Amino acid sequence: MKGNERIDQVERMLSVTLRVHKGEKMLVASNRELGIVTQGKNWDALMKNIHDVIETYFDIPSADSVKICLEIDPTVTDNAETASC
């Protein structure tokens, strides 16, 4: 892949922002504009479910090509620093 092709690919990368908050028993991630909502019992489960919902919503084989930004509610603090997409 040539330099210009790589730059074009990066510029076309999808970007999704999800807000994360604590539900009654689960961590919840959502994007109201896109109508995306998922949840998980812990950070690992939430991250897996985020990838799954992104792949399904955009009909892509892997969410690895999507820039996923998390806006984490301040009340969600347990192991937040270990979460990654």
C-alpha atoms as a PDB file:
ATOM      1  CA  MET A   1       0.000   0.000   0.000  1.00  0.00           C
ATOM      2  CA  LYS A   2       1.405   3.362  -0.993  1.00  0.00           C
ATOM      3  CA  GLY A   3       1.538   6.333   1.380  1.00  0.00           C
ATOM      4  CA  ASN A   4      -1.334   8.245  -0.260  1.00  0.00           C
ATOM      5  CA  GLU A   5      -3.571   5.154  -0.264  1.00  0.00           C
ATOM      6  CA  ARG A   6      -2.914   4.654   3.442  1.00  0.00           C
ATOM      7  CA  ILE A   7      -3.785   8.303   4.201  1.00  0.00           C
ATOM      8  CA  ASP A   8      -7.030   7.969   2.205  1.00  0.00           C
ATOM      9  CA  GLN A   9      -7.891   4.793   4.116  1.00  0.00           C
ATOM     10  CA  VAL A  10      -7.327   6.491   7.487  1.00  0.00           C
ATOM     11  CA  GLU A  11      -9.460   9.474   6.442  1.00  0.00           C
ATOM     12  CA  ARG A  12     -12.321   7.118   5.508  1.00  0.00           C
ATOM     13  CA  MET A  13     -12.167   5.250   8.826  1.00  0.00           C
ATOM     14  CA  LEU A  14     -15.496   5.047  10.606  1.00  0.00           C
ATOM     15  CA  SER A  15     -15.739   6.755  13.968  1.00  0.00           C
ATOM     16  CA  VAL A  16     -18.406   5.981  16.565  1.00  0.00           C
ATOM     17  CA  THR A  17     -18.867   7.611  19.966  1.00  0.00           C
ATOM     18  CA  LEU A  18     -20.687   5.669  22.667  1.00  0.00           C
ATOM     19  CA  ARG A  19     -21.743   6.951  26.067  1.00  0.00           C
ATOM     20  CA  VAL A  20     -21.133   4.496  28.904  1.00  0.00           C
ATOM     21  CA  HIS A  21     -23.125   4.544  32.134  1.00  0.00           C
ATOM     22  CA  LYS A  22     -24.144   2.150  34.881  1.00  0.00           C
ATOM     23  CA  GLY A  23     -27.540   0.535  34.501  1.00  0.00           C
ATOM     24  CA  GLU A  24     -29.258  -1.283  37.355  1.00  0.00           C
ATOM     25  CA  LYS A  25     -27.084  -4.395  36.988  1.00  0.00           C
ATOM     26  CA  MET A  26     -25.035  -3.803  33.847  1.00  0.00           C
ATOM     27  CA  LEU A  27     -22.713  -1.352  32.152  1.00  0.00           C
ATOM     28  CA  VAL A  28     -24.553   0.217  29.219  1.00  0.00           C
ATOM     29  CA  ALA A  29     -23.055   1.782  26.078  1.00  0.00           C
ATOM     30  CA  SER A  30     -25.229   3.725  23.651  1.00  0.00           C
ATOM     31  CA  ASN A  31     -25.325   6.151  20.756  1.00  0.00           C
ATOM     32  CA  ARG A  32     -28.806   7.653  20.483  1.00  0.00           C
ATOM     33  CA  GLU A  33     -28.190   9.234  17.079  1.00  0.00           C
ATOM     34  CA  LEU A  34     -27.446   5.818  15.538  1.00  0.00           C
ATOM     35  CA  GLY A  35     -29.849   3.883  17.747  1.00  0.00           C
ATOM     36  CA  ILE A  36     -27.067   1.638  19.060  1.00  0.00           C
ATOM     37  CA  VAL A  37     -27.371   0.193  22.567  1.00  0.00           C
ATOM     38  CA  THR A  38     -25.479  -2.682  24.164  1.00  0.00           C
ATOM     39  CA  GLN A  39     -24.594  -3.818  27.661  1.00  0.00           C
ATOM     40  CA  GLY A  40     -22.289  -6.087  29.614  1.00  0.00           C
ATOM     41  CA  LYS A  41     -21.931  -7.405  33.159  1.00  0.00           C
ATOM     42  CA  ASN A  42     -18.301  -6.206  33.244  1.00  0.00           C
ATOM     43  CA  TRP A  43     -15.844  -4.241  31.093  1.00  0.00           C
ATOM     44  CA  ASP A  44     -14.672  -7.281  29.118  1.00  0.00           C
ATOM     45  CA  ALA A  45     -18.244  -8.281  28.247  1.00  0.00           C
ATOM     46  CA  LEU A  46     -19.138  -4.684  27.370  1.00  0.00           C
ATOM     47  CA  MET A  47     -16.127  -4.319  25.036  1.00  0.00           C
ATOM     48  CA  LYS A  48     -16.989  -7.576  23.248  1.00  0.00           C
ATOM     49  CA  ASN A  49     -20.616  -6.501  22.883  1.00  0.00           C
ATOM     50  CA  ILE A  50     -19.569  -3.067  21.576  1.00  0.00           C
ATOM     51  CA  HIS A  51     -17.518  -4.747  18.852  1.00  0.00           C
ATOM     52  CA  ASP A  52     -20.422  -7.093  18.020  1.00  0.00           C
ATOM     53  CA  VAL A  53     -23.003  -4.299  17.761  1.00  0.00           C
ATOM     54  CA  ILE A  54     -20.680  -2.129  15.609  1.00  0.00           C
ATOM     55  CA  GLU A  55     -20.000  -5.055  13.236  1.00  0.00           C
ATOM     56  CA  THR A  56     -23.726  -5.788  12.962  1.00  0.00           C
ATOM     57  CA  TYR A  57     -24.829  -2.155  12.577  1.00  0.00           C
ATOM     58  CA  PHE A  58     -22.301  -1.330   9.838  1.00  0.00           C
ATOM     59  CA  ASP A  59     -22.356  -4.856   8.332  1.00  0.00           C
ATOM     60  CA  ILE A  60     -18.570  -5.172   8.497  1.00  0.00           C
ATOM     61  CA  PRO A  61     -16.450  -8.259   9.293  1.00  0.00           C
ATOM     62  CA  SER A  62     -14.440  -6.590  12.058  1.00  0.00           C
ATOM     63  CA  ALA A  63     -14.842  -3.553  14.300  1.00  0.00           C
ATOM     64  CA  ASP A  64     -11.046  -3.218  14.301  1.00  0.00           C
ATOM     65  CA  SER A  65     -11.378  -0.779  11.388  1.00  0.00           C
ATOM     66  CA  VAL A  66     -13.682   1.498  13.417  1.00  0.00           C
ATOM     67  CA  LYS A  67     -12.466   4.222  15.759  1.00  0.00           C
ATOM     68  CA  ILE A  68     -14.542   3.698  18.896  1.00  0.00           C
ATOM     69  CA  CYS A  69     -14.634   6.573  21.379  1.00  0.00           C
ATOM     70  CA  LEU A  70     -16.138   6.073  24.820  1.00  0.00           C
ATOM     71  CA  GLU A  71     -17.607   8.919  26.860  1.00  0.00           C
ATOM     72  CA  ILE A  72     -17.640   7.348  30.319  1.00  0.00           C
ATOM     73  CA  ASP A  73     -20.033   8.695  32.941  1.00  0.00           C
ATOM     74  CA  PRO A  74     -18.073   9.798  36.049  1.00  0.00           C
ATOM     75  CA  THR A  75     -20.053   7.352  38.196  1.00  0.00           C
ATOM     76  CA  VAL A  76     -18.504   4.471  36.236  1.00  0.00           C
ATOM     77  CA  THR A  77     -15.077   4.123  37.808  1.00  0.00           C
ATOM     78  CA  ASP A  78     -14.457   0.419  38.493  1.00  0.00           C
ATOM     79  CA  ASN A  79     -11.546  -0.591  36.245  1.00  0.00           C
ATOM     80  CA  ALA A  80     -12.397   2.052  33.652  1.00  0.00           C
ATOM     81  CA  GLU A  81      -8.719   2.581  32.981  1.00  0.00           C
ATOM     82  CA  THR A  82      -8.342  -1.032  31.819  1.00  0.00           C
ATOM     83  CA  ALA A  83     -11.075  -0.804  29.210  1.00  0.00           C
ATOM     84  CA  SER A  84     -10.030  -0.619  25.600  1.00  0.00           C
ATOM     85  CA  CYS A  85     -11.471  -1.197  22.156  1.00  0.00           C
END
